[in-house]
Every structure is written in structure tokens, then in C-alpha cells.
Amino acid sequence: LSSLPQDAPITGYIPECPPGSLDHCTLELRHCVSVLFMFERKPHRDKQFSIDCRHWLDLMVNALLRVASLSDHLFILNHLLRSPSNVSRWGVKFLHPLSPLKHEGSLRPTLSGDQ
């Protein structure tokens, strides 16, 4: 993942990667994103902690979106929907809806356990 450019497009598929080659990386990213969203859902008073969590969320979600399958996009959407109401101020940039028909046949298969 370190070789992906930061401005790589968010496409919902990765044509140059064989299926299954990024599963470990996406699982690690998903875990990190889940933990960070968990901290966002819990009330806390430390403003710097909140800023740091959102910064790390930004980095992790952006990395995940660069290699995301459709199920990864739904994973992010699920976390956004479970977040507090103020998520619209900082989390809207994580929402990138994809059309399954647009990329038919090109989608990376879902990870085992996502089905």
C-alpha cells in the first residue's frame, strides 16, 4: 500500500492486483478504522484526542479507499451511519458511492466473512 500515490483515484477495483493479494492489508486497515470510529462514537472531553482520531481516520480511510472493493465502501458507510450526528461536519469526505453496474466484472471479490 505504501507504493500507492496519495492522489490515486477511488475506483472500487484494482485492475493490476490479482484477487486476494490485498486482503491482509485491507483487513488491517478495516481493523484500524473500526477502532478509530469506536473512539469517535464514545463521548470524551479531550479536544486534542478528537482532532488526532479524526486525523488518523482521514489517513486510514483514504488508504482503504484507494484499494477498496464495493464491500469496503459499504463497511465505511456502515461506520458513518453509526456515528454521532456531527459526523456530517467531518466524515462526509469518506463517502464515495459506487455503481456496481459501472464496474461490473472488475470488482475485487469480497473478503471471506463479508458475505
PDB file of N, CA and C in Angstrom:
ATOM      1  N   LEU A   1       0.811  -1.200   0.000  1.00  0.00           N
ATOM      2  CA  LEU A   1       0.000   0.000   0.000  1.00  0.00           C
ATOM      3  C   LEU A   1       0.853   1.263   0.000  1.00  0.00           C
ATOM      4  N   SER A   2       2.082   1.146   0.475  1.00  0.00           N
ATOM      5  CA  SER A   2       2.930   2.337   0.540  1.00  0.00           C
ATOM      6  C   SER A   2       3.305   2.845  -0.847  1.00  0.00           C
ATOM      7  N   SER A   3       3.199   1.991  -1.854  1.00  0.00           N
ATOM      8  CA  SER A   3       3.548   2.419  -3.208  1.00  0.00           C
ATOM      9  C   SER A   3       2.404   3.130  -3.930  1.00  0.00           C
ATOM     10  N   LEU A   4       1.207   3.104  -3.346  1.00  0.00           N
ATOM     11  CA  LEU A   4       0.073   3.794  -3.972  1.00  0.00           C
ATOM     12  C   LEU A   4       0.220   5.296  -3.802  1.00  0.00           C
ATOM     13  N   PRO A   5       0.042   6.065  -4.867  1.00  0.00           N
ATOM     14  CA  PRO A   5       0.101   7.522  -4.724  1.00  0.00           C
ATOM     15  C   PRO A   5      -1.083   8.036  -3.910  1.00  0.00           C
ATOM     16  N   GLN A   6      -0.860   9.122  -3.175  1.00  0.00           N
ATOM     17  CA  GLN A   6      -1.920   9.689  -2.335  1.00  0.00           C
ATOM     18  C   GLN A   6      -3.076  10.223  -3.163  1.00  0.00           C
ATOM     19  N   ASP A   7      -2.826  10.528  -4.427  1.00  0.00           N
ATOM     20  CA  ASP A   7      -3.902  11.044  -5.275  1.00  0.00           C
ATOM     21  C   ASP A   7      -4.437   9.984  -6.237  1.00  0.00           C
ATOM     22  N   ALA A   8      -4.207   8.705  -5.899  1.00  0.00           N
ATOM     23  CA  ALA A   8      -4.736   7.621  -6.728  1.00  0.00           C
ATOM     24  C   ALA A   8      -6.258   7.704  -6.728  1.00  0.00           C
ATOM     25  N   PRO A   9      -6.891   7.406  -7.843  1.00  0.00           N
ATOM     26  CA  PRO A   9      -8.350   7.518  -7.909  1.00  0.00           C
ATOM     27  C   PRO A   9      -9.046   6.470  -7.048  1.00  0.00           C
ATOM     28  N   ILE A  10     -10.230   6.799  -6.603  1.00  0.00           N
ATOM     29  CA  ILE A  10     -11.071   5.871  -5.852  1.00  0.00           C
ATOM     30  C   ILE A  10     -12.005   5.243  -6.869  1.00  0.00           C
ATOM     31  N   THR A  11     -11.723   3.978  -7.208  1.00  0.00           N
ATOM     32  CA  THR A  11     -12.449   3.357  -8.301  1.00  0.00           C
ATOM     33  C   THR A  11     -13.311   2.175  -7.890  1.00  0.00           C
ATOM     34  N   GLY A  12     -13.023   1.527  -6.762  1.00  0.00           N
ATOM     35  CA  GLY A  12     -13.791   0.355  -6.367  1.00  0.00           C
ATOM     36  C   GLY A  12     -13.214  -0.942  -6.883  1.00  0.00           C
ATOM     37  N   TYR A  13     -12.121  -0.870  -7.591  1.00  0.00           N
ATOM     38  CA  TYR A  13     -11.444  -2.068  -8.074  1.00  0.00           C
ATOM     39  C   TYR A  13      -9.987  -1.723  -8.358  1.00  0.00           C
ATOM     40  N   ILE A  14      -9.169  -2.748  -8.431  1.00  0.00           N
ATOM     41  CA  ILE A  14      -7.751  -2.544  -8.707  1.00  0.00           C
ATOM     42  C   ILE A  14      -7.368  -3.487  -9.845  1.00  0.00           C
ATOM     43  N   PRO A  15      -7.301  -2.994 -11.074  1.00  0.00           N
ATOM     44  CA  PRO A  15      -7.084  -3.884 -12.208  1.00  0.00           C
ATOM     45  C   PRO A  15      -5.719  -4.569 -12.210  1.00  0.00           C
ATOM     46  N   GLU A  16      -4.675  -3.958 -11.646  1.00  0.00           N
ATOM     47  CA  GLU A  16      -3.347  -4.555 -11.730  1.00  0.00           C
ATOM     48  C   GLU A  16      -3.036  -5.519 -10.594  1.00  0.00           C
ATOM     49  N   CYS A  17      -3.933  -5.694  -9.631  1.00  0.00           N
ATOM     50  CA  CYS A  17      -3.701  -6.571  -8.488  1.00  0.00           C
ATOM     51  C   CYS A  17      -4.538  -7.838  -8.626  1.00  0.00           C
ATOM     52  N   PRO A  18      -3.907  -8.994  -8.463  1.00  0.00           N
ATOM     53  CA  PRO A  18      -4.694 -10.226  -8.520  1.00  0.00           C
ATOM     54  C   PRO A  18      -5.621 -10.335  -7.312  1.00  0.00           C
ATOM     55  N   PRO A  19      -6.771 -10.993  -7.477  1.00  0.00           N
ATOM     56  CA  PRO A  19      -7.712 -11.137  -6.364  1.00  0.00           C
ATOM     57  C   PRO A  19      -7.040 -11.784  -5.163  1.00  0.00           C
ATOM     58  N   GLY A  20      -7.304 -11.247  -3.994  1.00  0.00           N
ATOM     59  CA  GLY A  20      -6.764 -11.806  -2.763  1.00  0.00           C
ATOM     60  C   GLY A  20      -5.420 -11.253  -2.339  1.00  0.00           C
ATOM     61  N   SER A  21      -4.737 -10.506  -3.212  1.00  0.00           N
ATOM     62  CA  SER A  21      -3.392 -10.049  -2.881  1.00  0.00           C
ATOM     63  C   SER A  21      -3.385  -8.927  -1.845  1.00  0.00           C
ATOM     64  N   LEU A  22      -4.481  -8.200  -1.706  1.00  0.00           N
ATOM     65  CA  LEU A  22      -4.544  -7.094  -0.755  1.00  0.00           C
ATOM     66  C   LEU A  22      -5.426  -7.395   0.446  1.00  0.00           C
ATOM     67  N   ASP A  23      -5.921  -8.619   0.567  1.00  0.00           N
ATOM     68  CA  ASP A  23      -6.854  -8.941   1.640  1.00  0.00           C
ATOM     69  C   ASP A  23      -6.267  -8.678   3.016  1.00  0.00           C
ATOM     70  N   HIS A  24      -5.015  -9.054   3.247  1.00  0.00           N
ATOM     71  CA  HIS A  24      -4.400  -8.837   4.563  1.00  0.00           C
ATOM     72  C   HIS A  24      -4.309  -7.349   4.865  1.00  0.00           C
ATOM     73  N   CYS A  25      -3.884  -6.566   3.887  1.00  0.00           N
ATOM     74  CA  CYS A  25      -3.764  -5.111   4.091  1.00  0.00           C
ATOM     75  C   CYS A  25      -5.116  -4.473   4.371  1.00  0.00           C
ATOM     76  N   THR A  26      -6.131  -4.859   3.617  1.00  0.00           N
ATOM     77  CA  THR A  26      -7.443  -4.256   3.830  1.00  0.00           C
ATOM     78  C   THR A  26      -8.035  -4.694   5.167  1.00  0.00           C
ATOM     79  N   LEU A  27      -7.753  -5.917   5.597  1.00  0.00           N
ATOM     80  CA  LEU A  27      -8.232  -6.348   6.911  1.00  0.00           C
ATOM     81  C   LEU A  27      -7.588  -5.524   8.018  1.00  0.00           C
ATOM     82  N   GLU A  28      -6.300  -5.256   7.907  1.00  0.00           N
ATOM     83  CA  GLU A  28      -5.603  -4.424   8.898  1.00  0.00           C
ATOM     84  C   GLU A  28      -6.172  -3.003   8.898  1.00  0.00           C
ATOM     85  N   LEU A  29      -6.379  -2.451   7.716  1.00  0.00           N
ATOM     86  CA  LEU A  29      -6.948  -1.108   7.622  1.00  0.00           C
ATOM     87  C   LEU A  29      -8.357  -1.066   8.198  1.00  0.00           C
ATOM     88  N   ARG A  30      -9.154  -2.080   7.903  1.00  0.00           N
ATOM     89  CA  ARG A  30     -10.515  -2.137   8.437  1.00  0.00           C
ATOM     90  C   ARG A  30     -10.501  -2.174   9.960  1.00  0.00           C
ATOM     91  N   HIS A  31      -9.584  -2.939  10.517  1.00  0.00           N
ATOM     92  CA  HIS A  31      -9.494  -3.014  11.970  1.00  0.00           C
ATOM     93  C   HIS A  31      -9.147  -1.650  12.560  1.00  0.00           C
ATOM     94  N   CYS A  32      -8.155  -0.988  11.976  1.00  0.00           N
ATOM     95  CA  CYS A  32      -7.764   0.346  12.454  1.00  0.00           C
ATOM     96  C   CYS A  32      -8.922   1.339  12.344  1.00  0.00           C
ATOM     97  N   VAL A  33      -9.614   1.310  11.226  1.00  0.00           N
ATOM     98  CA  VAL A  33     -10.746   2.214  11.014  1.00  0.00           C
ATOM     99  C   VAL A  33     -11.847   1.924  12.043  1.00  0.00           C
ATOM    100  N   SER A  34     -12.110   0.664  12.320  1.00  0.00           N
ATOM    101  CA  SER A  34     -13.142   0.307  13.296  1.00  0.00           C
ATOM    102  C   SER A  34     -12.804   0.831  14.686  1.00  0.00           C
ATOM    103  N   VAL A  35     -11.544   0.681  15.082  1.00  0.00           N
ATOM    104  CA  VAL A  35     -11.121   1.167  16.398  1.00  0.00           C
ATOM    105  C   VAL A  35     -11.252   2.689  16.470  1.00  0.00           C
ATOM    106  N   LEU A  36     -10.821   3.377  15.428  1.00  0.00           N
ATOM    107  CA  LEU A  36     -10.903   4.842  15.434  1.00  0.00           C
ATOM    108  C   LEU A  36     -12.357   5.326  15.450  1.00  0.00           C
ATOM    109  N   PHE A  37     -13.225   4.673  14.686  1.00  0.00           N
ATOM    110  CA  PHE A  37     -14.638   5.048  14.720  1.00  0.00           C
ATOM    111  C   PHE A  37     -15.253   4.747  16.088  1.00  0.00           C
ATOM    112  N   MET A  38     -14.783   3.690  16.757  1.00  0.00           N
ATOM    113  CA  MET A  38     -15.280   3.392  18.089  1.00  0.00           C
ATOM    114  C   MET A  38     -14.977   4.556  19.039  1.00  0.00           C
ATOM    115  N   PHE A  39     -13.760   5.111  18.941  1.00  0.00           N
ATOM    116  CA  PHE A  39     -13.413   6.255  19.772  1.00  0.00           C
ATOM    117  C   PHE A  39     -14.241   7.483  19.411  1.00  0.00           C
ATOM    118  N   GLU A  40     -14.592   7.625  18.144  1.00  0.00           N
ATOM    119  CA  GLU A  40     -15.433   8.756  17.736  1.00  0.00           C
ATOM    120  C   GLU A  40     -16.845   8.641  18.284  1.00  0.00           C
ATOM    121  N   ARG A  41     -17.328   7.417  18.450  1.00  0.00           N
ATOM    122  CA  ARG A  41     -18.686   7.225  18.957  1.00  0.00           C
ATOM    123  C   ARG A  41     -18.780   7.437  20.471  1.00  0.00           C
ATOM    124  N   LYS A  42     -17.661   7.267  21.173  1.00  0.00           N
ATOM    125  CA  LYS A  42     -17.676   7.438  22.629  1.00  0.00           C
ATOM    126  C   LYS A  42     -17.529   8.912  22.982  1.00  0.00           C
ATOM    127  N   PRO A  43     -18.319   9.383  23.939  1.00  0.00           N
ATOM    128  CA  PRO A  43     -18.168  10.787  24.344  1.00  0.00           C
ATOM    129  C   PRO A  43     -16.864  10.988  25.120  1.00  0.00           C
ATOM    130  N   HIS A  44     -16.167  12.055  24.801  1.00  0.00           N
ATOM    131  CA  HIS A  44     -14.956  12.415  25.531  1.00  0.00           C
ATOM    132  C   HIS A  44     -14.791  13.925  25.475  1.00  0.00           C
ATOM    133  N   ARG A  45     -14.022  14.444  26.401  1.00  0.00           N
ATOM    134  CA  ARG A  45     -13.873  15.894  26.514  1.00  0.00           C
ATOM    135  C   ARG A  45     -12.565  16.404  25.938  1.00  0.00           C
ATOM    136  N   ASP A  46     -11.656  15.524  25.644  1.00  0.00           N
ATOM    137  CA  ASP A  46     -10.332  15.930  25.177  1.00  0.00           C
ATOM    138  C   ASP A  46     -10.393  16.312  23.696  1.00  0.00           C
ATOM    139  N   LYS A  47     -10.335  17.596  23.434  1.00  0.00           N
ATOM    140  CA  LYS A  47     -10.449  18.099  22.061  1.00  0.00           C
ATOM    141  C   LYS A  47      -9.267  17.645  21.197  1.00  0.00           C
ATOM    142  N   GLN A  48      -8.062  17.635  21.757  1.00  0.00           N
ATOM    143  CA  GLN A  48      -6.882  17.208  21.001  1.00  0.00           C
ATOM    144  C   GLN A  48      -6.982  15.736  20.616  1.00  0.00           C
ATOM    145  N   PHE A  49      -7.515  14.911  21.513  1.00  0.00           N
ATOM    146  CA  PHE A  49      -7.709  13.498  21.215  1.00  0.00           C
ATOM    147  C   PHE A  49      -8.657  13.334  20.033  1.00  0.00           C
ATOM    148  N   SER A  50      -9.723  14.107  20.022  1.00  0.00           N
ATOM    149  CA  SER A  50     -10.681  14.058  18.923  1.00  0.00           C
ATOM    150  C   SER A  50     -10.036  14.488  17.610  1.00  0.00           C
ATOM    151  N   ILE A  51      -9.229  15.538  17.652  1.00  0.00           N
ATOM    152  CA  ILE A  51      -8.522  16.011  16.449  1.00  0.00           C
ATOM    153  C   ILE A  51      -7.574  14.932  15.944  1.00  0.00           C
ATOM    154  N   ASP A  52      -6.841  14.303  16.869  1.00  0.00           N
ATOM    155  CA  ASP A  52      -5.896  13.247  16.475  1.00  0.00           C
ATOM    156  C   ASP A  52      -6.612  12.034  15.889  1.00  0.00           C
ATOM    157  N   CYS A  53      -7.731  11.633  16.514  1.00  0.00           N
ATOM    158  CA  CYS A  53      -8.507  10.493  15.995  1.00  0.00           C
ATOM    159  C   CYS A  53      -9.002  10.769  14.581  1.00  0.00           C
ATOM    160  N   ARG A  54      -9.502  11.962  14.363  1.00  0.00           N
ATOM    161  CA  ARG A  54     -10.014  12.294  13.027  1.00  0.00           C
ATOM    162  C   ARG A  54      -8.897  12.382  12.003  1.00  0.00           C
ATOM    163  N   HIS A  55      -7.727  12.841  12.431  1.00  0.00           N
ATOM    164  CA  HIS A  55      -6.575  12.867  11.522  1.00  0.00           C
ATOM    165  C   HIS A  55      -6.189  11.438  11.114  1.00  0.00           C
ATOM    166  N   TRP A  56      -6.107  10.523  12.099  1.00  0.00           N
ATOM    167  CA  TRP A  56      -5.770   9.137  11.783  1.00  0.00           C
ATOM    168  C   TRP A  56      -6.875   8.467  10.975  1.00  0.00           C
ATOM    169  N   LEU A  57      -8.129   8.797  11.272  1.00  0.00           N
ATOM    170  CA  LEU A  57      -9.236   8.274  10.466  1.00  0.00           C
ATOM    171  C   LEU A  57      -9.104   8.722   9.018  1.00  0.00           C
ATOM    172  N   ASP A  58      -8.759   9.978   8.842  1.00  0.00           N
ATOM    173  CA  ASP A  58      -8.567  10.516   7.498  1.00  0.00           C
ATOM    174  C   ASP A  58      -7.497   9.729   6.751  1.00  0.00           C
ATOM    175  N   LEU A  59      -6.366   9.486   7.402  1.00  0.00           N
ATOM    176  CA  LEU A  59      -5.274   8.735   6.765  1.00  0.00           C
ATOM    177  C   LEU A  59      -5.680   7.295   6.460  1.00  0.00           C
ATOM    178  N   MET A  60      -6.289   6.626   7.428  1.00  0.00           N
ATOM    179  CA  MET A  60      -6.635   5.212   7.259  1.00  0.00           C
ATOM    180  C   MET A  60      -7.758   5.011   6.246  1.00  0.00           C
ATOM    181  N   VAL A  61      -8.793   5.831   6.315  1.00  0.00           N
ATOM    182  CA  VAL A  61      -9.906   5.685   5.371  1.00  0.00           C
ATOM    183  C   VAL A  61      -9.442   6.024   3.957  1.00  0.00           C
ATOM    184  N   ASN A  62      -8.637   7.054   3.809  1.00  0.00           N
ATOM    185  CA  ASN A  62      -8.125   7.391   2.477  1.00  0.00           C
ATOM    186  C   ASN A  62      -7.285   6.260   1.904  1.00  0.00           C
ATOM    187  N   ALA A  63      -6.470   5.621   2.731  1.00  0.00           N
ATOM    188  CA  ALA A  63      -5.685   4.476   2.258  1.00  0.00           C
ATOM    189  C   ALA A  63      -6.607   3.322   1.874  1.00  0.00           C
ATOM    190  N   LEU A  64      -7.605   3.058   2.698  1.00  0.00           N
ATOM    191  CA  LEU A  64      -8.543   1.970   2.392  1.00  0.00           C
ATOM    192  C   LEU A  64      -9.317   2.252   1.116  1.00  0.00           C
ATOM    193  N   LEU A  65      -9.732   3.493   0.922  1.00  0.00           N
ATOM    194  CA  LEU A  65     -10.496   3.827  -0.278  1.00  0.00           C
ATOM    195  C   LEU A  65      -9.689   3.633  -1.556  1.00  0.00           C
ATOM    196  N   ARG A  66      -8.388   3.766  -1.497  1.00  0.00           N
ATOM    197  CA  ARG A  66      -7.547   3.597  -2.686  1.00  0.00           C
ATOM    198  C   ARG A  66      -7.525   2.155  -3.178  1.00  0.00           C
ATOM    199  N   VAL A  67      -7.774   1.204  -2.265  1.00  0.00           N
ATOM    200  CA  VAL A  67      -7.732  -0.211  -2.633  1.00  0.00           C
ATOM    201  C   VAL A  67      -9.074  -0.900  -2.364  1.00  0.00           C
ATOM    202  N   ALA A  68     -10.120  -0.115  -2.195  1.00  0.00           N
ATOM    203  CA  ALA A  68     -11.402  -0.630  -1.706  1.00  0.00           C
ATOM    204  C   ALA A  68     -12.200  -1.380  -2.760  1.00  0.00           C
ATOM    205  N   SER A  69     -12.816  -2.450  -2.298  1.00  0.00           N
ATOM    206  CA  SER A  69     -13.845  -3.124  -3.085  1.00  0.00           C
ATOM    207  C   SER A  69     -15.184  -2.493  -2.717  1.00  0.00           C
ATOM    208  N   LEU A  70     -16.223  -2.940  -3.345  1.00  0.00           N
ATOM    209  CA  LEU A  70     -17.551  -2.433  -3.017  1.00  0.00           C
ATOM    210  C   LEU A  70     -17.886  -2.721  -1.557  1.00  0.00           C
ATOM    211  N   SER A  71     -17.500  -3.883  -1.060  1.00  0.00           N
ATOM    212  CA  SER A  71     -17.788  -4.212   0.341  1.00  0.00           C
ATOM    213  C   SER A  71     -17.020  -3.307   1.295  1.00  0.00           C
ATOM    214  N   ASP A  72     -15.834  -2.835   0.903  1.00  0.00           N
ATOM    215  CA  ASP A  72     -15.089  -1.887   1.735  1.00  0.00           C
ATOM    216  C   ASP A  72     -15.812  -0.546   1.799  1.00  0.00           C
ATOM    217  N   HIS A  73     -16.392  -0.131   0.690  1.00  0.00           N
ATOM    218  CA  HIS A  73     -17.175   1.111   0.679  1.00  0.00           C
ATOM    219  C   HIS A  73     -18.403   0.978   1.589  1.00  0.00           C
ATOM    220  N   LEU A  74     -19.037  -0.179   1.566  1.00  0.00           N
ATOM    221  CA  LEU A  74     -20.185  -0.412   2.441  1.00  0.00           C
ATOM    222  C   LEU A  74     -19.757  -0.471   3.906  1.00  0.00           C
ATOM    223  N   PHE A  75     -18.578  -0.996   4.172  1.00  0.00           N
ATOM    224  CA  PHE A  75     -18.011  -1.023   5.514  1.00  0.00           C
ATOM    225  C   PHE A  75     -17.854   0.403   6.058  1.00  0.00           C
ATOM    226  N   ILE A  76     -17.321   1.298   5.247  1.00  0.00           N
ATOM    227  CA  ILE A  76     -17.147   2.697   5.657  1.00  0.00           C
ATOM    228  C   ILE A  76     -18.508   3.363   5.859  1.00  0.00           C
ATOM    229  N   LEU A  77     -19.432   3.117   4.940  1.00  0.00           N
ATOM    230  CA  LEU A  77     -20.782   3.671   5.068  1.00  0.00           C
ATOM    231  C   LEU A  77     -21.433   3.215   6.373  1.00  0.00           C
ATOM    232  N   ASN A  78     -21.270   1.956   6.711  1.00  0.00           N
ATOM    233  CA  ASN A  78     -21.823   1.428   7.957  1.00  0.00           C
ATOM    234  C   ASN A  78     -21.282   2.201   9.159  1.00  0.00           C
ATOM    235  N   HIS A  79     -19.986   2.455   9.186  1.00  0.00           N
ATOM    236  CA  HIS A  79     -19.413   3.214  10.298  1.00  0.00           C
ATOM    237  C   HIS A  79     -19.918   4.658  10.320  1.00  0.00           C
ATOM    238  N   LEU A  80     -20.053   5.256   9.160  1.00  0.00           N
ATOM    239  CA  LEU A  80     -20.574   6.625   9.118  1.00  0.00           C
ATOM    240  C   LEU A  80     -22.003   6.694   9.641  1.00  0.00           C
ATOM    241  N   LEU A  81     -22.817   5.717   9.290  1.00  0.00           N
ATOM    242  CA  LEU A  81     -24.209   5.705   9.735  1.00  0.00           C
ATOM    243  C   LEU A  81     -24.331   5.469  11.235  1.00  0.00           C
ATOM    244  N   ARG A  82     -23.365   4.788  11.827  1.00  0.00           N
ATOM    245  CA  ARG A  82     -23.386   4.514  13.257  1.00  0.00           C
ATOM    246  C   ARG A  82     -22.753   5.629  14.078  1.00  0.00           C
ATOM    247  N   SER A  83     -22.224   6.628  13.437  1.00  0.00           N
ATOM    248  CA  SER A  83     -21.536   7.719  14.131  1.00  0.00           C
ATOM    249  C   SER A  83     -22.519   8.758  14.640  1.00  0.00           C
ATOM    250  N   PRO A  84     -22.073   9.589  15.591  1.00  0.00           N
ATOM    251  CA  PRO A  84     -22.941  10.656  16.104  1.00  0.00           C
ATOM    252  C   PRO A  84     -23.358  11.625  15.001  1.00  0.00           C
ATOM    253  N   SER A  85     -24.342  12.435  15.310  1.00  0.00           N
ATOM    254  CA  SER A  85     -24.916  13.320  14.292  1.00  0.00           C
ATOM    255  C   SER A  85     -23.922  14.344  13.741  1.00  0.00           C
ATOM    256  N   ASN A  86     -22.881  14.670  14.480  1.00  0.00           N
ATOM    257  CA  ASN A  86     -21.923  15.657  13.973  1.00  0.00           C
ATOM    258  C   ASN A  86     -20.973  15.083  12.919  1.00  0.00           C
ATOM    259  N   VAL A  87     -21.170  13.827  12.547  1.00  0.00           N
ATOM    260  CA  VAL A  87     -20.306  13.211  11.534  1.00  0.00           C
ATOM    261  C   VAL A  87     -20.419  13.939  10.194  1.00  0.00           C
ATOM    262  N   SER A  88     -21.533  14.603   9.966  1.00  0.00           N
ATOM    263  CA  SER A  88     -21.707  15.318   8.691  1.00  0.00           C
ATOM    264  C   SER A  88     -20.703  16.455   8.539  1.00  0.00           C
ATOM    265  N   ARG A  89     -20.151  16.941   9.640  1.00  0.00           N
ATOM    266  CA  ARG A  89     -19.163  18.023   9.569  1.00  0.00           C
ATOM    267  C   ARG A  89     -17.780  17.535   9.164  1.00  0.00           C
ATOM    268  N   TRP A  90     -17.442  16.289   9.501  1.00  0.00           N
ATOM    269  CA  TRP A  90     -16.078  15.835   9.243  1.00  0.00           C
ATOM    270  C   TRP A  90     -15.999  14.527   8.452  1.00  0.00           C
ATOM    271  N   GLY A  91     -17.063  13.747   8.371  1.00  0.00           N
ATOM    272  CA  GLY A  91     -16.980  12.430   7.760  1.00  0.00           C
ATOM    273  C   GLY A  91     -17.526  12.309   6.357  1.00  0.00           C
ATOM    274  N   VAL A  92     -18.120  13.366   5.838  1.00  0.00           N
ATOM    275  CA  VAL A  92     -18.747  13.272   4.520  1.00  0.00           C
ATOM    276  C   VAL A  92     -17.715  12.975   3.428  1.00  0.00           C
ATOM    277  N   LYS A  93     -16.484  13.351   3.628  1.00  0.00           N
ATOM    278  CA  LYS A  93     -15.445  13.104   2.621  1.00  0.00           C
ATOM    279  C   LYS A  93     -15.105  11.619   2.475  1.00  0.00           C
ATOM    280  N   PHE A  94     -15.547  10.792   3.440  1.00  0.00           N
ATOM    281  CA  PHE A  94     -15.289   9.354   3.365  1.00  0.00           C
ATOM    282  C   PHE A  94     -16.326   8.623   2.517  1.00  0.00           C
ATOM    283  N   LEU A  95     -17.392   9.289   2.165  1.00  0.00           N
ATOM    284  CA  LEU A  95     -18.487   8.664   1.429  1.00  0.00           C
ATOM    285  C   LEU A  95     -18.254   8.813  -0.069  1.00  0.00           C
ATOM    286  N   HIS A  96     -18.019   7.689  -0.737  1.00  0.00           N
ATOM    287  CA  HIS A  96     -17.789   7.663  -2.183  1.00  0.00           C
ATOM    288  C   HIS A  96     -18.649   6.551  -2.773  1.00  0.00           C
ATOM    289  N   PRO A  97     -19.910   6.839  -3.051  1.00  0.00           N
ATOM    290  CA  PRO A  97     -20.781   5.793  -3.580  1.00  0.00           C
ATOM    291  C   PRO A  97     -20.326   5.331  -4.960  1.00  0.00           C
ATOM    292  N   LEU A  98     -20.421   4.047  -5.164  1.00  0.00           N
ATOM    293  CA  LEU A  98     -20.035   3.447  -6.446  1.00  0.00           C
ATOM    294  C   LEU A  98     -21.234   2.754  -7.052  1.00  0.00           C
ATOM    295  N   SER A  99     -21.254   2.715  -8.347  1.00  0.00           N
ATOM    296  CA  SER A  99     -22.291   1.975  -9.045  1.00  0.00           C
ATOM    297  C   SER A  99     -21.753   0.584  -9.373  1.00  0.00           C
ATOM    298  N   PRO A 100     -22.361  -0.474  -8.844  1.00  0.00           N
ATOM    299  CA  PRO A 100     -21.879  -1.824  -9.163  1.00  0.00           C
ATOM    300  C   PRO A 100     -21.970  -2.131 -10.648  1.00  0.00           C
ATOM    301  N   LEU A 101     -22.929  -1.532 -11.338  1.00  0.00           N
ATOM    302  CA  LEU A 101     -23.080  -1.801 -12.766  1.00  0.00           C
ATOM    303  C   LEU A 101     -21.955  -1.162 -13.584  1.00  0.00           C
ATOM    304  N   LYS A 102     -21.436  -0.031 -13.111  1.00  0.00           N
ATOM    305  CA  LYS A 102     -20.381   0.663 -13.832  1.00  0.00           C
ATOM    306  C   LYS A 102     -19.103  -0.168 -13.897  1.00  0.00           C
ATOM    307  N   HIS A 103     -18.835  -0.912 -12.840  1.00  0.00           N
ATOM    308  CA  HIS A 103     -17.606  -1.680 -12.755  1.00  0.00           C
ATOM    309  C   HIS A 103     -17.865  -3.179 -12.818  1.00  0.00           C
ATOM    310  N   GLU A 104     -18.947  -3.580 -13.420  1.00  0.00           N
ATOM    311  CA  GLU A 104     -19.313  -4.987 -13.446  1.00  0.00           C
ATOM    312  C   GLU A 104     -18.187  -5.825 -14.025  1.00  0.00           C
ATOM    313  N   GLY A 105     -17.836  -6.884 -13.319  1.00  0.00           N
ATOM    314  CA  GLY A 105     -16.764  -7.763 -13.758  1.00  0.00           C
ATOM    315  C   GLY A 105     -15.391  -7.291 -13.326  1.00  0.00           C
ATOM    316  N   SER A 106     -15.269  -6.093 -12.782  1.00  0.00           N
ATOM    317  CA  SER A 106     -13.980  -5.566 -12.381  1.00  0.00           C
ATOM    318  C   SER A 106     -13.823  -5.472 -10.876  1.00  0.00           C
ATOM    319  N   LEU A 107     -14.895  -5.715 -10.147  1.00  0.00           N
ATOM    320  CA  LEU A 107     -14.828  -5.562  -8.700  1.00  0.00           C
ATOM    321  C   LEU A 107     -13.956  -6.637  -8.086  1.00  0.00           C
ATOM    322  N   ARG A 108     -13.161  -6.231  -7.114  1.00  0.00           N
ATOM    323  CA  ARG A 108     -12.355  -7.179  -6.374  1.00  0.00           C
ATOM    324  C   ARG A 108     -13.303  -8.025  -5.559  1.00  0.00           C
ATOM    325  N   PRO A 109     -13.118  -9.346  -5.491  1.00  0.00           N
ATOM    326  CA  PRO A 109     -14.033 -10.180  -4.726  1.00  0.00           C
ATOM    327  C   PRO A 109     -14.052  -9.773  -3.262  1.00  0.00           C
ATOM    328  N   THR A 110     -15.194  -9.996  -2.598  1.00  0.00           N
ATOM    329  CA  THR A 110     -15.300  -9.618  -1.189  1.00  0.00           C
ATOM    330  C   THR A 110     -14.392 -10.519  -0.363  1.00  0.00           C
ATOM    331  N   LEU A 111     -13.991 -10.024   0.786  1.00  0.00           N
ATOM    332  CA  LEU A 111     -13.161 -10.785   1.707  1.00  0.00           C
ATOM    333  C   LEU A 111     -14.001 -11.875   2.318  1.00  0.00           C
ATOM    334  N   SER A 112     -13.364 -12.979   2.678  1.00  0.00           N
ATOM    335  CA  SER A 112     -14.124 -14.034   3.334  1.00  0.00           C
ATOM    336  C   SER A 112     -14.663 -13.498   4.647  1.00  0.00           C
ATOM    337  N   GLY A 113     -15.900 -13.769   4.939  1.00  0.00           N
ATOM    338  CA  GLY A 113     -16.542 -13.252   6.134  1.00  0.00           C
ATOM    339  C   GLY A 113     -17.369 -12.020   5.864  1.00  0.00           C
ATOM    340  N   ASP A 114     -17.236 -11.407   4.684  1.00  0.00           N
ATOM    341  CA  ASP A 114     -18.009 -10.220   4.337  1.00  0.00           C
ATOM    342  C   ASP A 114     -19.356 -10.582   3.747  1.00  0.00           C
ATOM    343  N   GLN A 115     -19.551 -11.834   3.416  1.00  0.00           N
ATOM    344  CA  GLN A 115     -20.737 -12.214   2.678  1.00  0.00           C
ATOM    345  C   GLN A 115     -21.911 -12.448   3.558  1.00  0.00           C
TER     346      GLN A 115
END
